[in-house]
């Protein structure tokens, strides 16, 4: 599939409840590959169809990408969706994002405190909560929750890694939160189409090889920056060629963040092998540095999950 989609379109429609089917492993794999191939072709052509995805998310994204957007416009846009406004206020007042401890009660101050990247992060958390309430997604609601928890863990490690670079920690946080958008897209589309994929675990293993490129195309369609799209597309490139890179960039941060985020699933103490990972070298990370970052991230995760959990 191409790196960037063509002219973007967006559709949202609810379908019937998902069914994994009783097909043989061979036929299920064939169906799964056909489904993924068609999906990749679709998003490459610029068509993103994520059923029941709240339109407010894309409207906010569009406004934030417009250099002429004013704070007043953002307050009006967010305020028109009371549940999202409540989520933004909750996020701005949370222990995770309110370092001063001073509470805010108005939307204008909350949006100013968070900034564009964290407003988008809070909006994505709101979107996933809304999606999970849809009847056709209830069979995979638990899997969506696990995916979001993984995304929060990766976001936390990315935010801390960015502090070692010139990359904005808030941008790194948002990128980590979005890194699994390809997997989310595939899961929701499979459920919406009642795709016959046989064993779900086997299907998701198959998805692993596709989710980064699908995620990149979806984010490009939605108007996210080239840096974020490229990072999501290259998140699995642990041996990434950096010969032309002078310093660590957002892609290095996400690659390292995904690896470290996955390490958080293992009990402490965790042994981190840094050899052979170009992103670790670019960030000048030793095994001890990685362990320290994981410890800090773990301490931060509870408040993050309370704030952004779905």
C-alpha atoms as a PDB file:
ATOM      1  CA  UNK A   1       0.000   0.000   0.000  1.00  0.00           C
ATOM      2  CA  UNK A   2       1.123   3.560  -0.603  1.00  0.00           C
ATOM      3  CA  UNK A   3       2.555   5.733   2.158  1.00  0.00           C
ATOM      4  CA  UNK A   4      -0.205   8.321   1.937  1.00  0.00           C
ATOM      5  CA  UNK A   5      -3.859   7.940   0.972  1.00  0.00           C
ATOM      6  CA  UNK A   6      -5.458   9.849  -1.852  1.00  0.00           C
ATOM      7  CA  UNK A   7      -8.366  12.255  -1.583  1.00  0.00           C
ATOM      8  CA  UNK A   8      -9.868  11.630   1.859  1.00  0.00           C
ATOM      9  CA  UNK A   9     -13.447  10.641   2.484  1.00  0.00           C
ATOM     10  CA  UNK A  10     -15.154   9.604   5.702  1.00  0.00           C
ATOM     11  CA  UNK A  11     -18.149   7.410   6.376  1.00  0.00           C
ATOM     12  CA  UNK A  12     -19.631   6.125   9.602  1.00  0.00           C
ATOM     13  CA  UNK A  13     -22.330   3.506   9.824  1.00  0.00           C
ATOM     14  CA  UNK A  14     -23.373   0.814  12.322  1.00  0.00           C
ATOM     15  CA  UNK A  15     -23.587  -2.811  11.213  1.00  0.00           C
ATOM     16  CA  UNK A  16     -24.785  -6.062  12.726  1.00  0.00           C
ATOM     17  CA  UNK A  17     -23.099  -7.788  15.647  1.00  0.00           C
ATOM     18  CA  UNK A  18     -19.773  -9.484  15.006  1.00  0.00           C
ATOM     19  CA  UNK A  19     -19.446 -13.206  14.404  1.00  0.00           C
ATOM     20  CA  UNK A  20     -16.142 -14.999  14.253  1.00  0.00           C
ATOM     21  CA  UNK A  21     -17.619 -18.004  12.475  1.00  0.00           C
ATOM     22  CA  UNK A  22     -16.881 -21.744  12.487  1.00  0.00           C
ATOM     23  CA  UNK A  23     -14.690 -21.945   9.386  1.00  0.00           C
ATOM     24  CA  UNK A  24     -11.594 -24.130   9.138  1.00  0.00           C
ATOM     25  CA  UNK A  25      -8.214 -22.570  10.056  1.00  0.00           C
ATOM     26  CA  UNK A  26      -7.161 -22.549   6.400  1.00  0.00           C
ATOM     27  CA  UNK A  27     -10.323 -20.895   5.115  1.00  0.00           C
ATOM     28  CA  UNK A  28     -10.362 -18.480   8.061  1.00  0.00           C
ATOM     29  CA  UNK A  29      -6.818 -17.367   7.273  1.00  0.00           C
ATOM     30  CA  UNK A  30      -7.767 -16.921   3.616  1.00  0.00           C
ATOM     31  CA  UNK A  31     -10.810 -14.849   4.608  1.00  0.00           C
ATOM     32  CA  UNK A  32      -8.685 -12.828   7.005  1.00  0.00           C
ATOM     33  CA  UNK A  33      -6.038 -12.084   4.375  1.00  0.00           C
ATOM     34  CA  UNK A  34      -8.690 -11.108   1.845  1.00  0.00           C
ATOM     35  CA  UNK A  35     -10.328  -8.812   4.387  1.00  0.00           C
ATOM     36  CA  UNK A  36      -7.017  -7.141   5.307  1.00  0.00           C
ATOM     37  CA  UNK A  37      -5.962  -6.770   1.680  1.00  0.00           C
ATOM     38  CA  UNK A  38      -9.239  -5.087   0.776  1.00  0.00           C
ATOM     39  CA  UNK A  39      -9.042  -2.878   3.857  1.00  0.00           C
ATOM     40  CA  UNK A  40      -5.480  -1.803   3.033  1.00  0.00           C
ATOM     41  CA  UNK A  41      -6.475  -1.029  -0.539  1.00  0.00           C
ATOM     42  CA  UNK A  42      -9.411   1.001   0.689  1.00  0.00           C
ATOM     43  CA  UNK A  43      -7.491   3.210   3.110  1.00  0.00           C
ATOM     44  CA  UNK A  44      -4.669   3.633   0.590  1.00  0.00           C
ATOM     45  CA  UNK A  45      -7.243   5.043  -1.822  1.00  0.00           C
ATOM     46  CA  UNK A  46      -8.219   7.579   0.821  1.00  0.00           C
ATOM     47  CA  UNK A  47     -11.466   6.096   2.126  1.00  0.00           C
ATOM     48  CA  UNK A  48     -11.666   5.755   5.898  1.00  0.00           C
ATOM     49  CA  UNK A  49     -14.851   4.107   7.174  1.00  0.00           C
ATOM     50  CA  UNK A  50     -14.751   3.711  10.948  1.00  0.00           C
ATOM     51  CA  UNK A  51     -18.276   2.829  12.093  1.00  0.00           C
ATOM     52  CA  UNK A  52     -19.725   4.847  14.980  1.00  0.00           C
ATOM     53  CA  UNK A  53     -16.553   6.935  15.367  1.00  0.00           C
ATOM     54  CA  UNK A  54     -17.753  10.289  16.789  1.00  0.00           C
ATOM     55  CA  UNK A  55     -17.618  13.029  14.159  1.00  0.00           C
ATOM     56  CA  UNK A  56     -16.558  15.552  16.810  1.00  0.00           C
ATOM     57  CA  UNK A  57     -13.098  13.958  16.893  1.00  0.00           C
ATOM     58  CA  UNK A  58     -12.439  14.746  13.259  1.00  0.00           C
ATOM     59  CA  UNK A  59     -13.997  18.192  13.508  1.00  0.00           C
ATOM     60  CA  UNK A  60     -11.670  19.039  16.381  1.00  0.00           C
ATOM     61  CA  UNK A  61      -8.723  17.628  14.451  1.00  0.00           C
ATOM     62  CA  UNK A  62      -9.657  19.769  11.448  1.00  0.00           C
ATOM     63  CA  UNK A  63      -9.936  22.906  13.576  1.00  0.00           C
ATOM     64  CA  UNK A  64      -6.620  22.317  15.304  1.00  0.00           C
ATOM     65  CA  UNK A  65      -4.852  21.839  11.979  1.00  0.00           C
ATOM     66  CA  UNK A  66      -6.140  25.238  10.811  1.00  0.00           C
ATOM     67  CA  UNK A  67      -3.653  27.992  11.759  1.00  0.00           C
ATOM     68  CA  UNK A  68      -6.528  30.501  11.840  1.00  0.00           C
ATOM     69  CA  UNK A  69      -8.456  28.592  14.496  1.00  0.00           C
ATOM     70  CA  UNK A  70      -9.118  30.674  17.603  1.00  0.00           C
ATOM     71  CA  UNK A  71      -9.524  29.634  21.222  1.00  0.00           C
ATOM     72  CA  UNK A  72     -13.086  30.918  21.074  1.00  0.00           C
ATOM     73  CA  UNK A  73     -13.824  28.581  18.178  1.00  0.00           C
ATOM     74  CA  UNK A  74     -12.402  25.616  20.088  1.00  0.00           C
ATOM     75  CA  UNK A  75     -14.440  26.451  23.182  1.00  0.00           C
ATOM     76  CA  UNK A  76     -17.598  26.646  21.061  1.00  0.00           C
ATOM     77  CA  UNK A  77     -16.836  23.383  19.277  1.00  0.00           C
ATOM     78  CA  UNK A  78     -16.025  21.394  22.419  1.00  0.00           C
ATOM     79  CA  UNK A  79     -18.820  23.027  24.404  1.00  0.00           C
ATOM     80  CA  UNK A  80     -21.375  21.826  21.876  1.00  0.00           C
ATOM     81  CA  UNK A  81     -20.659  18.249  23.031  1.00  0.00           C
ATOM     82  CA  UNK A  82     -21.331  18.292  26.811  1.00  0.00           C
ATOM     83  CA  UNK A  83     -19.825  14.860  27.524  1.00  0.00           C
ATOM     84  CA  UNK A  84     -16.629  15.777  25.699  1.00  0.00           C
ATOM     85  CA  UNK A  85     -16.492  19.116  27.520  1.00  0.00           C
ATOM     86  CA  UNK A  86     -16.774  17.249  30.821  1.00  0.00           C
ATOM     87  CA  UNK A  87     -13.942  14.922  29.731  1.00  0.00           C
ATOM     88  CA  UNK A  88     -11.714  17.898  28.830  1.00  0.00           C
ATOM     89  CA  UNK A  89     -12.367  19.527  32.205  1.00  0.00           C
ATOM     90  CA  UNK A  90     -11.728  16.261  34.037  1.00  0.00           C
ATOM     91  CA  UNK A  91      -8.454  15.787  32.180  1.00  0.00           C
ATOM     92  CA  UNK A  92      -7.281  19.332  32.877  1.00  0.00           C
ATOM     93  CA  UNK A  93      -7.982  18.854  36.590  1.00  0.00           C
ATOM     94  CA  UNK A  94      -6.472  15.386  36.868  1.00  0.00           C
ATOM     95  CA  UNK A  95      -3.315  14.630  38.814  1.00  0.00           C
ATOM     96  CA  UNK A  96      -1.728  13.446  35.571  1.00  0.00           C
ATOM     97  CA  UNK A  97      -2.030  16.811  33.804  1.00  0.00           C
ATOM     98  CA  UNK A  98      -2.451  19.397  36.561  1.00  0.00           C
ATOM     99  CA  UNK A  99       1.005  19.850  37.980  1.00  0.00           C
ATOM    100  CA  UNK A 100       0.043  23.050  39.840  1.00  0.00           C
ATOM    101  CA  UNK A 101      -2.853  21.443  41.664  1.00  0.00           C
ATOM    102  CA  UNK A 102      -4.958  24.522  40.941  1.00  0.00           C
ATOM    103  CA  UNK A 103      -8.424  23.485  39.751  1.00  0.00           C
ATOM    104  CA  UNK A 104     -10.106  24.950  36.688  1.00  0.00           C
ATOM    105  CA  UNK A 105     -13.855  25.198  36.182  1.00  0.00           C
ATOM    106  CA  UNK A 106     -14.216  26.744  32.721  1.00  0.00           C
ATOM    107  CA  UNK A 107     -13.596  25.170  29.346  1.00  0.00           C
ATOM    108  CA  UNK A 108     -11.435  28.016  28.032  1.00  0.00           C
ATOM    109  CA  UNK A 109      -8.873  27.611  30.823  1.00  0.00           C
ATOM    110  CA  UNK A 110      -8.977  23.819  30.535  1.00  0.00           C
ATOM    111  CA  UNK A 111      -8.216  23.882  26.806  1.00  0.00           C
ATOM    112  CA  UNK A 112      -5.445  26.421  27.330  1.00  0.00           C
ATOM    113  CA  UNK A 113      -3.886  24.343  30.093  1.00  0.00           C
ATOM    114  CA  UNK A 114      -3.900  21.141  28.066  1.00  0.00           C
ATOM    115  CA  UNK A 115      -2.845  22.515  24.685  1.00  0.00           C
ATOM    116  CA  UNK A 116      -3.699  21.111  21.260  1.00  0.00           C
ATOM    117  CA  UNK A 117      -2.018  17.726  21.581  1.00  0.00           C
ATOM    118  CA  UNK A 118      -3.531  16.816  24.938  1.00  0.00           C
ATOM    119  CA  UNK A 119      -6.976  18.066  23.881  1.00  0.00           C
ATOM    120  CA  UNK A 120      -6.757  15.551  21.050  1.00  0.00           C
ATOM    121  CA  UNK A 121      -5.631  12.861  23.470  1.00  0.00           C
ATOM    122  CA  UNK A 122      -8.626  13.504  25.723  1.00  0.00           C
ATOM    123  CA  UNK A 123     -10.904  13.538  22.681  1.00  0.00           C
ATOM    124  CA  UNK A 124      -9.658  10.121  21.579  1.00  0.00           C
ATOM    125  CA  UNK A 125     -10.373   8.751  25.061  1.00  0.00           C
ATOM    126  CA  UNK A 126     -13.896  10.157  24.820  1.00  0.00           C
ATOM    127  CA  UNK A 127     -14.339   8.634  21.350  1.00  0.00           C
ATOM    128  CA  UNK A 128     -13.383   5.140  22.449  1.00  0.00           C
ATOM    129  CA  UNK A 129     -15.748   5.270  25.401  1.00  0.00           C
ATOM    130  CA  UNK A 130     -18.566   6.263  23.040  1.00  0.00           C
ATOM    131  CA  UNK A 131     -17.721   3.487  20.583  1.00  0.00           C
ATOM    132  CA  UNK A 132     -17.713   0.784  23.235  1.00  0.00           C
ATOM    133  CA  UNK A 133     -21.346   1.517  24.028  1.00  0.00           C
ATOM    134  CA  UNK A 134     -22.389   0.481  20.516  1.00  0.00           C
ATOM    135  CA  UNK A 135     -24.188  -2.859  20.490  1.00  0.00           C
ATOM    136  CA  UNK A 136     -22.220  -4.382  17.615  1.00  0.00           C
ATOM    137  CA  UNK A 137     -18.917  -3.692  19.431  1.00  0.00           C
ATOM    138  CA  UNK A 138     -19.910  -5.192  22.758  1.00  0.00           C
ATOM    139  CA  UNK A 139     -18.448  -8.618  21.869  1.00  0.00           C
ATOM    140  CA  UNK A 140     -14.996  -6.992  21.571  1.00  0.00           C
ATOM    141  CA  UNK A 141     -15.404  -4.296  24.245  1.00  0.00           C
ATOM    142  CA  UNK A 142     -12.884  -6.034  26.500  1.00  0.00           C
ATOM    143  CA  UNK A 143     -10.326  -6.207  23.701  1.00  0.00           C
ATOM    144  CA  UNK A 144     -10.840  -2.521  22.925  1.00  0.00           C
ATOM    145  CA  UNK A 145     -10.208  -1.711  26.581  1.00  0.00           C
ATOM    146  CA  UNK A 146      -6.988  -3.744  26.572  1.00  0.00           C
ATOM    147  CA  UNK A 147      -5.830  -2.010  23.404  1.00  0.00           C
ATOM    148  CA  UNK A 148      -6.463   1.382  24.981  1.00  0.00           C
ATOM    149  CA  UNK A 149      -4.614   0.407  28.166  1.00  0.00           C
ATOM    150  CA  UNK A 150      -1.638  -0.627  26.027  1.00  0.00           C
ATOM    151  CA  UNK A 151      -1.864   2.687  24.187  1.00  0.00           C
ATOM    152  CA  UNK A 152      -1.813   4.647  27.439  1.00  0.00           C
ATOM    153  CA  UNK A 153       1.262   2.715  28.588  1.00  0.00           C
ATOM    154  CA  UNK A 154       3.069   3.460  25.322  1.00  0.00           C
ATOM    155  CA  UNK A 155       2.008   7.112  25.526  1.00  0.00           C
ATOM    156  CA  UNK A 156       3.469   7.399  29.029  1.00  0.00           C
ATOM    157  CA  UNK A 157       6.833   5.973  27.992  1.00  0.00           C
ATOM    158  CA  UNK A 158       6.924   8.136  24.846  1.00  0.00           C
ATOM    159  CA  UNK A 159       6.279  11.249  26.900  1.00  0.00           C
ATOM    160  CA  UNK A 160       9.221  10.463  29.159  1.00  0.00           C
ATOM    161  CA  UNK A 161      11.506   9.530  26.263  1.00  0.00           C
ATOM    162  CA  UNK A 162      10.729  12.829  24.531  1.00  0.00           C
ATOM    163  CA  UNK A 163      12.172  14.674  27.505  1.00  0.00           C
ATOM    164  CA  UNK A 164      15.582  13.444  26.331  1.00  0.00           C
ATOM    165  CA  UNK A 165      15.091  15.089  22.921  1.00  0.00           C
ATOM    166  CA  UNK A 166      13.830  18.261  21.256  1.00  0.00           C
ATOM    167  CA  UNK A 167      10.502  16.604  20.450  1.00  0.00           C
ATOM    168  CA  UNK A 168       7.476  17.952  22.317  1.00  0.00           C
ATOM    169  CA  UNK A 169       6.498  15.542  25.124  1.00  0.00           C
ATOM    170  CA  UNK A 170       2.821  16.281  24.429  1.00  0.00           C
ATOM    171  CA  UNK A 171       3.254  15.369  20.755  1.00  0.00           C
ATOM    172  CA  UNK A 172       5.069  12.188  21.764  1.00  0.00           C
ATOM    173  CA  UNK A 173       2.259  11.358  24.201  1.00  0.00           C
ATOM    174  CA  UNK A 174      -0.384  11.779  21.502  1.00  0.00           C
ATOM    175  CA  UNK A 175       1.649   9.671  19.072  1.00  0.00           C
ATOM    176  CA  UNK A 176       1.939   6.883  21.622  1.00  0.00           C
ATOM    177  CA  UNK A 177      -1.786   7.053  22.257  1.00  0.00           C
ATOM    178  CA  UNK A 178      -2.455   6.773  18.508  1.00  0.00           C
ATOM    179  CA  UNK A 179       0.071   4.053  17.743  1.00  0.00           C
ATOM    180  CA  UNK A 180      -2.591   1.314  17.852  1.00  0.00           C
ATOM    181  CA  UNK A 181      -5.119   3.107  15.639  1.00  0.00           C
ATOM    182  CA  UNK A 182      -4.510   0.602  12.835  1.00  0.00           C
ATOM    183  CA  UNK A 183      -5.366  -2.302  15.121  1.00  0.00           C
ATOM    184  CA  UNK A 184      -8.432  -0.426  16.375  1.00  0.00           C
ATOM    185  CA  UNK A 185      -9.530   0.255  12.808  1.00  0.00           C
ATOM    186  CA  UNK A 186      -9.184  -3.395  11.784  1.00  0.00           C
ATOM    187  CA  UNK A 187     -10.968  -4.673  14.904  1.00  0.00           C
ATOM    188  CA  UNK A 188     -13.933  -2.344  14.478  1.00  0.00           C
ATOM    189  CA  UNK A 189     -14.268  -2.957  10.754  1.00  0.00           C
ATOM    190  CA  UNK A 190     -14.112  -6.729  11.257  1.00  0.00           C
ATOM    191  CA  UNK A 191     -16.868  -6.486  13.865  1.00  0.00           C
ATOM    192  CA  UNK A 192     -18.978  -4.162  11.719  1.00  0.00           C
ATOM    193  CA  UNK A 193     -18.762  -6.448   8.694  1.00  0.00           C
ATOM    194  CA  UNK A 194     -19.339  -9.619  10.750  1.00  0.00           C
ATOM    195  CA  UNK A 195     -16.140 -10.878   9.130  1.00  0.00           C
ATOM    196  CA  UNK A 196     -15.651 -14.649   9.334  1.00  0.00           C
ATOM    197  CA  UNK A 197     -12.101 -14.863  10.641  1.00  0.00           C
ATOM    198  CA  UNK A 198     -12.198 -18.087  12.668  1.00  0.00           C
ATOM    199  CA  UNK A 199     -10.060 -18.007  15.803  1.00  0.00           C
ATOM    200  CA  UNK A 200      -9.847 -14.389  16.932  1.00  0.00           C
ATOM    201  CA  UNK A 201      -6.365 -14.674  18.460  1.00  0.00           C
ATOM    202  CA  UNK A 202      -4.982 -16.092  15.217  1.00  0.00           C
ATOM    203  CA  UNK A 203      -6.644 -13.314  13.258  1.00  0.00           C
ATOM    204  CA  UNK A 204      -5.100 -10.639  15.484  1.00  0.00           C
ATOM    205  CA  UNK A 205      -1.673 -12.211  15.000  1.00  0.00           C
ATOM    206  CA  UNK A 206      -2.259 -11.811  11.284  1.00  0.00           C
ATOM    207  CA  UNK A 207      -3.282  -8.183  11.839  1.00  0.00           C
ATOM    208  CA  UNK A 208       0.065  -7.436  13.516  1.00  0.00           C
ATOM    209  CA  UNK A 209       1.820  -7.286  10.170  1.00  0.00           C
ATOM    210  CA  UNK A 210      -0.718  -4.814   8.768  1.00  0.00           C
ATOM    211  CA  UNK A 211      -1.698  -2.539  11.605  1.00  0.00           C
ATOM    212  CA  UNK A 212       1.183  -0.046  11.342  1.00  0.00           C
ATOM    213  CA  UNK A 213       0.644   0.716   7.644  1.00  0.00           C
ATOM    214  CA  UNK A 214      -3.138   0.822   8.055  1.00  0.00           C
ATOM    215  CA  UNK A 215      -2.746   3.146  11.030  1.00  0.00           C
ATOM    216  CA  UNK A 216      -0.457   5.461   9.079  1.00  0.00           C
ATOM    217  CA  UNK A 217      -2.957   5.716   6.224  1.00  0.00           C
ATOM    218  CA  UNK A 218      -5.878   6.381   8.599  1.00  0.00           C
ATOM    219  CA  UNK A 219      -4.020   9.155  10.424  1.00  0.00           C
ATOM    220  CA  UNK A 220      -2.887  10.740   7.161  1.00  0.00           C
ATOM    221  CA  UNK A 221      -6.493  10.687   5.983  1.00  0.00           C
ATOM    222  CA  UNK A 222      -7.510  12.456   9.180  1.00  0.00           C
ATOM    223  CA  UNK A 223      -4.918  15.196   8.645  1.00  0.00           C
ATOM    224  CA  UNK A 224      -2.330  14.371  11.295  1.00  0.00           C
ATOM    225  CA  UNK A 225       1.204  15.635  10.761  1.00  0.00           C
ATOM    226  CA  UNK A 226       3.683  13.799   8.561  1.00  0.00           C
ATOM    227  CA  UNK A 227       5.881  13.214  11.619  1.00  0.00           C
ATOM    228  CA  UNK A 228       3.109  11.439  13.532  1.00  0.00           C
ATOM    229  CA  UNK A 229       2.012   9.428  10.486  1.00  0.00           C
ATOM    230  CA  UNK A 230       5.576   8.321   9.701  1.00  0.00           C
ATOM    231  CA  UNK A 231       6.218   7.358  13.315  1.00  0.00           C
ATOM    232  CA  UNK A 232       3.091   5.189  13.451  1.00  0.00           C
ATOM    233  CA  UNK A 233       3.961   3.599  10.112  1.00  0.00           C
ATOM    234  CA  UNK A 234       7.518   2.747  11.205  1.00  0.00           C
ATOM    235  CA  UNK A 235       6.785   1.765  14.816  1.00  0.00           C
ATOM    236  CA  UNK A 236       7.980  -1.828  14.311  1.00  0.00           C
ATOM    237  CA  UNK A 237      11.280  -0.932  12.587  1.00  0.00           C
ATOM    238  CA  UNK A 238      13.620  -1.845  15.443  1.00  0.00           C
ATOM    239  CA  UNK A 239      16.541  -2.015  13.004  1.00  0.00           C
ATOM    240  CA  UNK A 240      15.626   1.277  11.353  1.00  0.00           C
ATOM    241  CA  UNK A 241      18.398   2.750   9.228  1.00  0.00           C
ATOM    242  CA  UNK A 242      19.377   6.067  10.841  1.00  0.00           C
ATOM    243  CA  UNK A 243      22.511   6.873   8.875  1.00  0.00           C
ATOM    244  CA  UNK A 244      21.064  10.184   7.677  1.00  0.00           C
ATOM    245  CA  UNK A 245      19.577  11.169  11.023  1.00  0.00           C
ATOM    246  CA  UNK A 246      21.517  13.584  13.203  1.00  0.00           C
ATOM    247  CA  UNK A 247      19.397  13.274  16.341  1.00  0.00           C
ATOM    248  CA  UNK A 248      16.568  11.240  17.763  1.00  0.00           C
ATOM    249  CA  UNK A 249      13.159  11.999  16.246  1.00  0.00           C
ATOM    250  CA  UNK A 250       9.526  11.124  16.915  1.00  0.00           C
ATOM    251  CA  UNK A 251       9.845   7.772  15.145  1.00  0.00           C
ATOM    252  CA  UNK A 252      12.755   6.758  17.394  1.00  0.00           C
ATOM    253  CA  UNK A 253      10.687   7.749  20.407  1.00  0.00           C
ATOM    254  CA  UNK A 254       7.685   5.681  19.315  1.00  0.00           C
ATOM    255  CA  UNK A 255       9.753   2.600  18.441  1.00  0.00           C
ATOM    256  CA  UNK A 256      11.406   2.711  21.864  1.00  0.00           C
ATOM    257  CA  UNK A 257       8.103   3.601  23.524  1.00  0.00           C
ATOM    258  CA  UNK A 258       6.319   0.582  22.036  1.00  0.00           C
ATOM    259  CA  UNK A 259       9.078  -1.760  23.189  1.00  0.00           C
ATOM    260  CA  UNK A 260       9.148  -0.290  26.678  1.00  0.00           C
ATOM    261  CA  UNK A 261       5.361  -0.128  26.888  1.00  0.00           C
ATOM    262  CA  UNK A 262       5.190  -3.838  26.103  1.00  0.00           C
ATOM    263  CA  UNK A 263       7.803  -4.468  28.798  1.00  0.00           C
ATOM    264  CA  UNK A 264       5.445  -2.970  31.377  1.00  0.00           C
ATOM    265  CA  UNK A 265       3.282  -6.071  31.006  1.00  0.00           C
ATOM    266  CA  UNK A 266       6.037  -8.151  32.621  1.00  0.00           C
ATOM    267  CA  UNK A 267       6.561  -8.093  36.393  1.00  0.00           C
ATOM    268  CA  UNK A 268       9.500  -6.165  37.855  1.00  0.00           C
ATOM    269  CA  UNK A 269      12.438  -6.411  37.862  1.00  0.00           C
ATOM    270  CA  UNK A 270      12.551  -6.291  34.052  1.00  0.00           C
ATOM    271  CA  UNK A 271      15.635  -7.077  32.003  1.00  0.00           C
ATOM    272  CA  UNK A 272      15.812  -4.751  28.983  1.00  0.00           C
ATOM    273  CA  UNK A 273      18.036  -5.804  26.088  1.00  0.00           C
ATOM    274  CA  UNK A 274      19.121  -2.613  24.313  1.00  0.00           C
ATOM    275  CA  UNK A 275      21.457  -4.221  21.769  1.00  0.00           C
ATOM    276  CA  UNK A 276      20.255  -4.241  18.183  1.00  0.00           C
ATOM    277  CA  UNK A 277      17.604  -1.541  18.651  1.00  0.00           C
ATOM    278  CA  UNK A 278      18.583   1.558  16.705  1.00  0.00           C
ATOM    279  CA  UNK A 279      16.060   3.739  18.539  1.00  0.00           C
ATOM    280  CA  UNK A 280      17.637   2.937  21.904  1.00  0.00           C
ATOM    281  CA  UNK A 281      21.020   3.941  20.520  1.00  0.00           C
ATOM    282  CA  UNK A 282      19.623   7.162  19.033  1.00  0.00           C
ATOM    283  CA  UNK A 283      18.162   8.057  22.420  1.00  0.00           C
ATOM    284  CA  UNK A 284      21.392   7.048  24.197  1.00  0.00           C
ATOM    285  CA  UNK A 285      19.477   4.607  26.385  1.00  0.00           C
ATOM    286  CA  UNK A 286      21.229   2.060  28.541  1.00  0.00           C
ATOM    287  CA  UNK A 287      19.467  -0.888  30.151  1.00  0.00           C
ATOM    288  CA  UNK A 288      19.550   1.073  33.412  1.00  0.00           C
ATOM    289  CA  UNK A 289      17.962   4.103  31.736  1.00  0.00           C
ATOM    290  CA  UNK A 290      15.186   1.903  30.374  1.00  0.00           C
ATOM    291  CA  UNK A 291      14.499   0.404  33.786  1.00  0.00           C
ATOM    292  CA  UNK A 292      14.327   3.868  35.345  1.00  0.00           C
ATOM    293  CA  UNK A 293      11.890   5.080  32.677  1.00  0.00           C
ATOM    294  CA  UNK A 294       9.701   2.016  33.185  1.00  0.00           C
ATOM    295  CA  UNK A 295       9.636   2.623  36.914  1.00  0.00           C
ATOM    296  CA  UNK A 296       8.562   6.238  36.422  1.00  0.00           C
ATOM    297  CA  UNK A 297       5.969   5.272  33.821  1.00  0.00           C
ATOM    298  CA  UNK A 298       4.521   2.596  36.066  1.00  0.00           C
ATOM    299  CA  UNK A 299       4.086   5.100  38.882  1.00  0.00           C
ATOM    300  CA  UNK A 300       2.339   7.460  36.452  1.00  0.00           C
ATOM    301  CA  UNK A 301       0.048   4.887  34.849  1.00  0.00           C
ATOM    302  CA  UNK A 302      -2.606   4.717  37.536  1.00  0.00           C
ATOM    303  CA  UNK A 303      -3.465   8.403  37.293  1.00  0.00           C
ATOM    304  CA  UNK A 304      -3.286   8.287  33.496  1.00  0.00           C
ATOM    305  CA  UNK A 305      -5.641   5.328  33.286  1.00  0.00           C
ATOM    306  CA  UNK A 306      -8.067   6.967  35.674  1.00  0.00           C
ATOM    307  CA  UNK A 307      -8.040  10.094  33.488  1.00  0.00           C
ATOM    308  CA  UNK A 308      -7.988   8.578  29.994  1.00  0.00           C
ATOM    309  CA  UNK A 309      -9.383   5.128  30.655  1.00  0.00           C
ATOM    310  CA  UNK A 310     -12.416   3.912  28.778  1.00  0.00           C
END
